[in-house]
């Protein structure tokens, strides 16, 4: 994967998340501040894979209520009654898949070898591993969340990636 600064990846992640949030009727994603990698939020990560197996994981994490609000926004009028944890995680997986696709399309201008991997969903918090993690607190449509990048953003650390919590559902 070509060297690209982490700030560029995060900028593209915020833009991709904004595209998706607007399409779901949540408005723009507003980046608030960089934060330490969260250890108390649920959500989904999806890898973007480059040449030689280099990987950058993108994730969108939120509280259980935040994930449910985003799932309901994605499902629109189809979300009638309570949503199961599986439905919420499935919707979050779809959201992050679309966001990761938007990031990948933008970053292909730098590295044409990029491809999407399979999502890592967790009903319990995911704990990013490794030193190359960047997290930014974001707000959209009243949902407070965190966009996370894990991996070799700007360097080569192939083993970095999120580790599901002990109750992970991947």
Protein backbone atom coordinates (compact mmCIF):
# COMPACT_ATOMS: atom_id res chain seq x y z
CA UNK A 1 0.00 0.00 0.00
CA UNK A 2 1.41 3.37 -0.93
CA UNK A 3 2.47 5.67 1.89
CA UNK A 4 -0.41 7.97 2.75
CA UNK A 5 -0.54 10.11 5.87
CA UNK A 6 -3.05 9.08 8.54
CA UNK A 7 -4.64 12.53 8.39
CA UNK A 8 -5.49 11.96 4.72
CA UNK A 9 -7.09 8.59 5.53
CA UNK A 10 -9.09 10.15 8.37
CA UNK A 11 -10.19 13.04 6.16
CA UNK A 12 -11.44 10.60 3.53
CA UNK A 13 -13.15 8.53 6.25
CA UNK A 14 -15.02 11.59 7.55
CA UNK A 15 -16.04 12.52 3.98
CA UNK A 16 -17.22 8.98 3.24
CA UNK A 17 -19.16 8.88 6.50
CA UNK A 18 -20.74 12.24 5.63
CA UNK A 19 -21.88 10.90 2.24
CA UNK A 20 -23.58 7.95 3.94
CA UNK A 21 -25.04 9.98 6.83
CA UNK A 22 -26.58 12.47 4.40
CA UNK A 23 -28.10 9.64 2.34
CA UNK A 24 -29.66 8.26 5.54
CA UNK A 25 -31.09 11.66 6.45
CA UNK A 26 -28.70 12.29 9.34
CA UNK A 27 -26.93 15.30 7.78
CA UNK A 28 -23.21 15.94 7.76
CA UNK A 29 -20.70 14.23 10.00
CA UNK A 30 -18.98 16.83 12.15
CA UNK A 31 -15.50 15.89 13.37
CA UNK A 32 -15.20 17.14 16.94
CA UNK A 33 -11.76 16.09 18.16
CA UNK A 34 -9.19 13.34 18.15
CA UNK A 35 -9.71 10.94 21.00
CA UNK A 36 -7.91 7.89 22.37
CA UNK A 37 -9.08 4.64 20.78
CA UNK A 38 -12.42 3.80 22.43
CA UNK A 39 -12.77 0.76 24.64
CA UNK A 40 -16.44 1.07 25.52
CA UNK A 41 -18.25 1.33 22.17
CA UNK A 42 -19.73 -1.21 19.79
CA UNK A 43 -19.75 -1.12 16.03
CA UNK A 44 -18.13 -2.49 12.93
CA UNK A 45 -14.69 -2.43 11.33
CA UNK A 46 -14.02 -3.25 7.70
CA UNK A 47 -10.57 -3.80 6.19
CA UNK A 48 -9.30 -2.10 3.06
CA UNK A 49 -6.57 -4.36 1.68
CA UNK A 50 -3.69 -3.22 -0.52
CA UNK A 51 -0.68 -4.77 -2.22
CA UNK A 52 1.23 -7.36 -0.25
CA UNK A 53 -1.54 -7.81 2.30
CA UNK A 54 -1.22 -4.35 3.83
CA UNK A 55 -4.46 -3.53 5.63
CA UNK A 56 -6.17 -0.44 6.98
CA UNK A 57 -9.30 -1.07 9.04
CA UNK A 58 -11.98 1.62 9.07
CA UNK A 59 -14.58 1.59 11.81
CA UNK A 60 -17.60 3.49 13.02
CA UNK A 61 -18.34 2.95 16.69
CA UNK A 62 -21.09 4.28 18.93
CA UNK A 63 -23.03 3.46 22.05
CA UNK A 64 -25.74 0.82 21.77
CA UNK A 65 -28.33 3.59 21.46
CA UNK A 66 -26.23 5.35 18.81
CA UNK A 67 -25.83 2.15 16.77
CA UNK A 68 -29.58 1.58 16.98
CA UNK A 69 -30.31 5.15 15.84
CA UNK A 70 -28.00 4.70 12.85
CA UNK A 71 -29.58 1.34 12.04
CA UNK A 72 -33.04 2.90 12.13
CA UNK A 73 -31.85 5.73 9.87
CA UNK A 74 -30.53 3.19 7.35
CA UNK A 75 -33.70 1.10 7.46
CA UNK A 76 -36.03 4.11 7.33
CA UNK A 77 -39.70 3.11 7.41
CA UNK A 78 -38.75 -0.59 7.50
CA UNK A 79 -37.61 -0.24 11.13
CA UNK A 80 -40.90 -0.88 12.92
CA UNK A 81 -40.78 -2.04 16.52
CA UNK A 82 -37.69 -3.06 18.45
CA UNK A 83 -34.57 -4.09 16.52
CA UNK A 84 -32.60 -7.13 17.60
CA UNK A 85 -28.87 -6.89 18.28
CA UNK A 86 -28.28 -8.93 15.11
CA UNK A 87 -30.35 -6.47 13.02
CA UNK A 88 -28.48 -3.51 14.49
CA UNK A 89 -25.09 -5.08 13.80
CA UNK A 90 -26.16 -6.05 10.29
CA UNK A 91 -27.22 -2.47 9.59
CA UNK A 92 -23.98 -1.10 11.06
CA UNK A 93 -22.09 -3.54 8.82
CA UNK A 94 -23.92 -2.17 5.79
CA UNK A 95 -23.20 1.40 6.84
CA UNK A 96 -19.49 0.77 7.36
CA UNK A 97 -19.31 -1.24 4.12
CA UNK A 98 -20.68 1.74 2.19
CA UNK A 99 -18.37 4.16 4.04
CA UNK A 100 -15.33 1.93 3.40
CA UNK A 101 -16.27 1.72 -0.28
CA UNK A 102 -16.35 5.52 -0.45
CA UNK A 103 -12.95 5.74 1.27
CA UNK A 104 -11.51 3.10 -1.04
CA UNK A 105 -12.74 4.92 -4.17
CA UNK A 106 -11.12 8.14 -2.99
CA UNK A 107 -7.86 6.44 -1.99
CA UNK A 108 -7.59 4.46 -5.25
CA UNK A 109 -6.24 7.66 -6.77
CA UNK A 110 -3.18 7.01 -4.61
CA UNK A 111 -3.15 3.18 -4.72
CA UNK A 112 -5.16 1.41 -7.42
CA UNK A 113 -4.71 -2.01 -5.77
CA UNK A 114 -7.16 -1.42 -2.92
CA UNK A 115 -10.00 -3.87 -2.25
CA UNK A 116 -12.57 -4.28 0.51
CA UNK A 117 -12.45 -7.16 2.97
CA UNK A 118 -15.21 -8.60 5.14
CA UNK A 119 -16.65 -6.70 8.11
CA UNK A 120 -15.82 -7.47 11.70
CA UNK A 121 -19.00 -6.95 13.74
CA UNK A 122 -19.13 -6.94 17.49
CA UNK A 123 -21.98 -6.48 19.90
CA UNK A 124 -19.41 -5.85 22.59
CA UNK A 125 -16.65 -3.27 22.33
CA UNK A 126 -13.80 -3.74 19.91
CA UNK A 127 -10.35 -2.92 21.23
CA UNK A 128 -8.01 -1.57 18.55
CA UNK A 129 -4.57 -3.17 18.78
CA UNK A 130 -1.25 -1.68 17.81
CA UNK A 131 0.25 1.76 17.85
CA UNK A 132 -1.11 2.89 14.50
CA UNK A 133 -4.62 3.77 15.54
CA UNK A 134 -6.34 7.09 15.00
CA UNK A 135 -9.76 7.89 16.42
CA UNK A 136 -11.92 10.97 15.90
CA UNK A 137 -15.08 11.76 17.81
CA UNK A 138 -17.89 12.67 15.41
CA UNK A 139 -21.52 13.76 15.64
CA UNK A 140 -24.24 13.39 13.02
CA UNK A 141 -27.99 13.59 13.39
CA UNK A 142 -27.71 13.62 17.17
CA UNK A 143 -25.60 10.44 17.19
CA UNK A 144 -22.27 10.76 18.99
CA UNK A 145 -19.73 8.25 17.70
CA UNK A 146 -16.11 7.61 16.85
CA UNK A 147 -14.53 6.98 13.45
CA UNK A 148 -11.45 4.79 13.80
CA UNK A 149 -8.53 3.88 11.55
CA UNK A 150 -6.36 0.92 12.54
CA UNK A 151 -3.36 -0.42 10.68
CA UNK A 152 -0.55 0.76 8.54
CA UNK A 153 -1.83 4.22 7.72
CA UNK A 154 1.38 5.86 6.61
CA UNK A 155 3.63 2.88 7.47
CA UNK A 156 3.75 -0.90 7.29
CA UNK A 157 2.37 -2.83 10.25
CA UNK A 158 0.53 -5.80 8.76
CA UNK A 159 -0.49 -7.38 12.03
CA UNK A 160 -2.34 -4.34 13.37
CA UNK A 161 -6.09 -4.56 13.47
CA UNK A 162 -9.04 -4.60 15.78
CA UNK A 163 -9.47 -7.40 18.27
CA UNK A 164 -13.03 -8.34 19.08
CA UNK A 165 -13.97 -8.13 22.76
CA UNK A 166 -14.48 -11.39 24.61
CA UNK A 167 -18.17 -11.48 23.60
CA UNK A 168 -17.57 -10.47 19.98
CA UNK A 169 -20.01 -11.62 17.37
CA UNK A 170 -17.95 -11.90 14.21
